[in-house]
């Protein structure tokens, strides 16, 4: 198992991507610590992991609360003696589908501020303990909006570009301490919509385009990707588990393209 004996912290662990990654990490042998704001959703993921023989622990933590995140990381490091992997899979509900001329400043800055704050907070909390051991992996998430241009997703695109820049720069900050930083960039994930913030976000975008979510995603897949489909949760989670493992020990300061060919690097 790729992550046997590793300790992984997943912020947003009750969400679609966070939960899928937690299951993949546990399947590969990691002890996973799920953090989020909704206990019921965290416990659903944890119960599924334990039913399949894995180890999962749940804590209610607001990933925008620096003091709470630090206490959580300190408690895990004290209990387990280490933190090997930290993933921020937090989803921030934000406005999409609004034209620039009609976009209020606060709706533009909300995702930018929230994503750069939470990624700094969770990475900083974990890195303090990783530095002591001289190893660790910090994983972040972005979207294709970081590289695309278009209408209706200005805040999302700027936020995603900021997370990718943060990840590259953080890799330089921490590389000398043996810590790797990798950003995962999946496209829209159809099987994540029912249990993630994207349902609300996509609903607004679809309405602005005069269609529904399913039709919008189908169009994105058919005409917007080289593979003619969008990524699945399982595919994203499997890549996350690989990147978190020693099999990817030479990989840092990069963005993993999981867009099914919507973007070509």
Protein backbone atom coordinates (compact mmCIF):
# COMPACT_ATOMS: atom_id res chain seq x y z
CA UNK A 1 0.00 0.00 0.00
CA UNK A 2 1.38 3.37 -1.09
CA UNK A 3 0.52 5.27 2.10
CA UNK A 4 0.98 2.56 4.71
CA UNK A 5 1.63 4.15 8.11
CA UNK A 6 1.15 7.71 6.87
CA UNK A 7 -0.98 10.28 8.72
CA UNK A 8 -3.17 12.39 6.44
CA UNK A 9 -5.25 15.45 7.34
CA UNK A 10 -8.08 16.34 4.96
CA UNK A 11 -9.80 19.69 5.37
CA UNK A 12 -13.16 19.55 3.67
CA UNK A 13 -13.15 15.82 4.38
CA UNK A 14 -16.93 15.56 4.28
CA UNK A 15 -17.19 16.99 0.79
CA UNK A 16 -17.16 15.20 -2.53
CA UNK A 17 -13.48 15.55 -3.43
CA UNK A 18 -12.24 15.53 0.16
CA UNK A 19 -14.25 12.44 0.99
CA UNK A 20 -13.13 10.60 -2.14
CA UNK A 21 -9.49 11.42 -1.41
CA UNK A 22 -9.87 10.35 2.21
CA UNK A 23 -11.23 6.98 1.09
CA UNK A 24 -8.36 6.56 -1.38
CA UNK A 25 -5.77 7.52 1.24
CA UNK A 26 -7.25 5.06 3.73
CA UNK A 27 -7.39 2.33 1.11
CA UNK A 28 -3.67 2.88 0.57
CA UNK A 29 -2.99 2.45 4.29
CA UNK A 30 -3.07 6.00 5.68
CA UNK A 31 -4.64 6.99 8.98
CA UNK A 32 -6.96 9.81 7.92
CA UNK A 33 -8.14 12.74 10.00
CA UNK A 34 -11.22 14.37 8.54
CA UNK A 35 -11.90 18.02 9.31
CA UNK A 36 -14.84 20.15 8.30
CA UNK A 37 -17.79 22.13 9.56
CA UNK A 38 -20.55 19.51 9.23
CA UNK A 39 -20.10 16.53 11.55
CA UNK A 40 -22.76 14.37 9.89
CA UNK A 41 -21.03 14.50 6.52
CA UNK A 42 -17.62 13.84 8.08
CA UNK A 43 -18.98 10.85 9.98
CA UNK A 44 -20.55 9.45 6.82
CA UNK A 45 -17.13 9.35 5.17
CA UNK A 46 -15.44 8.02 8.31
CA UNK A 47 -18.02 5.25 8.71
CA UNK A 48 -17.48 4.18 5.12
CA UNK A 49 -13.72 4.07 5.67
CA UNK A 50 -13.96 2.01 8.86
CA UNK A 51 -16.43 -0.40 7.25
CA UNK A 52 -13.74 -1.17 4.70
CA UNK A 53 -11.08 -1.74 7.34
CA UNK A 54 -9.49 1.72 7.36
CA UNK A 55 -8.85 4.21 10.13
CA UNK A 56 -10.61 7.58 10.22
CA UNK A 57 -11.04 10.22 12.90
CA UNK A 58 -13.47 13.15 12.72
CA UNK A 59 -13.16 16.70 14.06
CA UNK A 60 -15.35 19.72 13.45
CA UNK A 61 -12.94 22.46 12.35
CA UNK A 62 -13.49 25.66 10.39
CA UNK A 63 -10.60 25.81 7.91
CA UNK A 64 -10.84 29.61 7.86
CA UNK A 65 -10.22 29.78 11.61
CA UNK A 66 -6.44 29.89 12.04
CA UNK A 67 -6.43 29.18 15.78
CA UNK A 68 -8.78 26.20 15.39
CA UNK A 69 -6.74 24.73 12.53
CA UNK A 70 -3.52 25.10 14.52
CA UNK A 71 -5.06 23.39 17.56
CA UNK A 72 -6.28 20.56 15.36
CA UNK A 73 -2.87 20.04 13.74
CA UNK A 74 -1.11 20.19 17.10
CA UNK A 75 -3.48 17.60 18.57
CA UNK A 76 -2.92 15.20 15.67
CA UNK A 77 0.86 15.63 15.79
CA UNK A 78 0.84 15.01 19.55
CA UNK A 79 -1.37 11.94 19.21
CA UNK A 80 0.24 10.40 16.14
CA UNK A 81 3.75 11.84 16.35
CA UNK A 82 3.58 13.13 12.78
CA UNK A 83 1.60 14.68 9.95
CA UNK A 84 2.64 13.30 6.57
CA UNK A 85 -0.03 14.64 4.21
CA UNK A 86 -2.24 17.71 4.32
CA UNK A 87 -4.99 18.23 1.74
CA UNK A 88 -7.17 21.32 1.55
CA UNK A 89 -10.33 20.28 -0.31
CA UNK A 90 -12.49 23.08 1.03
CA UNK A 91 -15.29 24.25 -1.26
CA UNK A 92 -16.31 27.91 -1.09
CA UNK A 93 -19.75 28.79 -2.45
CA UNK A 94 -19.39 31.80 -4.73
CA UNK A 95 -21.11 33.56 -7.57
CA UNK A 96 -20.64 32.50 -11.19
CA UNK A 97 -22.54 33.47 -14.31
CA UNK A 98 -22.62 37.21 -13.57
CA UNK A 99 -21.09 39.54 -16.15
CA UNK A 100 -18.25 41.84 -15.10
CA UNK A 101 -20.38 44.95 -15.51
CA UNK A 102 -22.91 43.55 -13.04
CA UNK A 103 -20.45 41.89 -10.62
CA UNK A 104 -20.23 43.57 -7.19
CA UNK A 105 -16.77 43.91 -5.68
CA UNK A 106 -17.60 41.73 -2.66
CA UNK A 107 -18.79 38.86 -4.85
CA UNK A 108 -15.55 39.02 -6.85
CA UNK A 109 -13.25 39.16 -3.83
CA UNK A 110 -15.08 36.57 -1.71
CA UNK A 111 -13.65 33.40 -3.35
CA UNK A 112 -10.25 35.03 -3.85
CA UNK A 113 -9.92 35.98 -0.20
CA UNK A 114 -11.41 32.75 1.16
CA UNK A 115 -9.31 30.36 -0.92
CA UNK A 116 -5.99 32.10 -0.40
CA UNK A 117 -6.67 32.42 3.33
CA UNK A 118 -7.71 28.83 3.95
CA UNK A 119 -4.86 27.35 1.92
CA UNK A 120 -2.32 29.43 3.81
CA UNK A 121 -3.86 28.53 7.17
CA UNK A 122 -4.00 24.76 6.65
CA UNK A 123 -0.61 24.53 4.94
CA UNK A 124 1.03 26.61 7.65
CA UNK A 125 -0.45 24.49 10.44
CA UNK A 126 0.77 21.23 8.87
CA UNK A 127 4.13 22.55 7.71
CA UNK A 128 5.19 23.44 11.26
CA UNK A 129 5.11 19.74 12.12
CA UNK A 130 6.43 18.49 8.77
CA UNK A 131 9.50 20.71 9.09
CA UNK A 132 10.40 18.99 12.36
CA UNK A 133 10.45 15.60 10.59
CA UNK A 134 12.04 16.84 7.38
CA UNK A 135 9.29 15.42 5.18
CA UNK A 136 5.67 15.86 4.16
CA UNK A 137 3.27 16.52 1.31
CA UNK A 138 0.89 19.47 1.01
CA UNK A 139 -1.86 19.15 -1.59
CA UNK A 140 -4.06 21.96 -2.89
CA UNK A 141 -6.94 22.14 -5.37
CA UNK A 142 -7.66 24.58 -8.17
CA UNK A 143 -9.88 24.67 -11.26
CA UNK A 144 -9.34 25.16 -15.01
CA UNK A 145 -10.46 28.75 -14.44
CA UNK A 146 -6.86 29.44 -13.45
CA UNK A 147 -5.85 29.14 -17.12
CA UNK A 148 -9.04 29.89 -19.04
CA UNK A 149 -10.54 33.18 -20.09
CA UNK A 150 -14.23 33.82 -20.54
CA UNK A 151 -17.25 35.38 -18.93
CA UNK A 152 -18.96 34.76 -15.63
CA UNK A 153 -16.18 33.19 -13.55
CA UNK A 154 -13.80 36.05 -12.78
CA UNK A 155 -13.62 35.45 -9.02
CA UNK A 156 -13.20 31.70 -9.43
CA UNK A 157 -10.51 32.10 -12.07
CA UNK A 158 -8.47 34.59 -10.07
CA UNK A 159 -8.84 32.48 -6.91
CA UNK A 160 -7.69 29.34 -8.74
CA UNK A 161 -4.73 31.15 -10.30
CA UNK A 162 -3.78 32.42 -6.85
CA UNK A 163 -3.92 28.92 -5.34
CA UNK A 164 -1.68 27.60 -8.12
CA UNK A 165 0.81 30.43 -7.65
CA UNK A 166 0.74 29.90 -3.89
CA UNK A 167 1.47 26.21 -4.40
CA UNK A 168 4.45 26.82 -6.69
CA UNK A 169 5.93 29.43 -4.36
CA UNK A 170 5.28 27.34 -1.27
CA UNK A 171 7.16 24.45 -2.88
CA UNK A 172 10.17 26.75 -3.02
CA UNK A 173 9.70 27.83 0.58
CA UNK A 174 9.51 24.27 1.89
CA UNK A 175 11.57 22.18 -0.52
CA UNK A 176 14.70 22.55 1.56
CA UNK A 177 12.80 20.98 4.45
CA UNK A 178 11.93 17.88 2.43
CA UNK A 179 8.31 18.96 1.97
CA UNK A 180 6.59 18.63 -1.41
CA UNK A 181 3.71 20.85 -2.57
CA UNK A 182 1.47 19.80 -5.46
CA UNK A 183 -1.74 21.34 -6.76
CA UNK A 184 -4.46 19.19 -8.34
CA UNK A 185 -6.51 20.86 -11.08
CA UNK A 186 -9.60 18.81 -11.92
CA UNK A 187 -12.33 20.00 -14.25
CA UNK A 188 -16.00 19.90 -13.24
CA UNK A 189 -16.75 16.45 -11.80
CA UNK A 190 -20.30 15.26 -12.55
CA UNK A 191 -20.48 12.72 -9.72
CA UNK A 192 -19.38 15.39 -7.23
CA UNK A 193 -22.19 17.83 -7.92
CA UNK A 194 -24.78 16.21 -5.64
CA UNK A 195 -22.64 16.58 -2.51
CA UNK A 196 -20.46 19.63 -3.07
CA UNK A 197 -20.63 23.41 -3.24
CA UNK A 198 -20.53 23.15 -7.04
CA UNK A 199 -24.23 22.33 -7.19
CA UNK A 200 -25.13 25.82 -6.03
CA UNK A 201 -22.39 27.41 -8.12
CA UNK A 202 -23.30 25.51 -11.29
CA UNK A 203 -27.03 26.12 -10.80
CA UNK A 204 -26.47 29.86 -11.10
CA UNK A 205 -24.21 29.46 -14.13
CA UNK A 206 -26.67 27.13 -15.83
CA UNK A 207 -29.57 29.46 -15.14
CA UNK A 208 -27.64 32.41 -16.56
CA UNK A 209 -27.05 30.34 -19.72
CA UNK A 210 -30.71 29.33 -19.91
CA UNK A 211 -30.11 25.62 -19.29
CA UNK A 212 -29.77 23.10 -16.45
CA UNK A 213 -26.72 21.62 -14.73
CA UNK A 214 -26.81 18.25 -16.50
CA UNK A 215 -27.05 19.82 -19.94
CA UNK A 216 -24.32 22.32 -19.12
CA UNK A 217 -21.93 19.60 -17.94
CA UNK A 218 -22.73 17.47 -20.97
CA UNK A 219 -21.83 20.35 -23.25
CA UNK A 220 -18.59 20.95 -21.34
CA UNK A 221 -17.65 17.30 -21.79
CA UNK A 222 -18.66 16.88 -25.44
CA UNK A 223 -17.16 20.03 -26.90
CA UNK A 224 -14.75 21.21 -24.26
CA UNK A 225 -12.48 18.22 -23.59
CA UNK A 226 -10.19 16.09 -25.73
CA UNK A 227 -11.48 12.90 -24.11
CA UNK A 228 -15.11 13.81 -24.66
CA UNK A 229 -15.86 13.40 -20.97
CA UNK A 230 -15.20 14.98 -17.60
CA UNK A 231 -13.10 13.45 -14.78
CA UNK A 232 -14.61 11.25 -12.10
CA UNK A 233 -14.17 11.48 -8.35
CA UNK A 234 -12.36 8.14 -8.31
CA UNK A 235 -9.84 9.32 -10.91
CA UNK A 236 -9.06 12.51 -9.00
CA UNK A 237 -8.77 10.64 -5.68
CA UNK A 238 -6.47 7.98 -7.14
CA UNK A 239 -4.13 10.66 -8.50
CA UNK A 240 -4.15 12.43 -5.13
CA UNK A 241 -3.15 9.19 -3.38
CA UNK A 242 -0.34 8.62 -5.86
CA UNK A 243 0.97 12.18 -5.53
CA UNK A 244 0.84 11.93 -1.72
CA UNK A 245 2.92 8.76 -1.80
CA UNK A 246 6.65 8.18 -2.05
CA UNK A 247 6.07 6.97 -5.61
CA UNK A 248 5.87 10.67 -6.51
CA UNK A 249 8.86 11.66 -4.36
CA UNK A 250 10.45 13.75 -7.13
CA UNK A 251 7.27 15.72 -7.83
CA UNK A 252 6.82 19.19 -6.34
CA UNK A 253 6.00 22.75 -7.38
CA UNK A 254 3.66 21.61 -10.12
CA UNK A 255 -0.02 21.52 -11.07
CA UNK A 256 -1.52 18.17 -12.06
CA UNK A 257 -3.81 18.59 -15.07
CA UNK A 258 -6.98 16.52 -14.48
CA UNK A 259 -9.18 18.35 -16.97
CA UNK A 260 -9.69 15.46 -19.43
CA UNK A 261 -7.99 17.64 -22.01
CA UNK A 262 -9.97 20.84 -21.52
CA UNK A 263 -6.54 22.36 -20.99
CA UNK A 264 -3.37 21.18 -22.72
CA UNK A 265 -0.11 22.00 -20.95
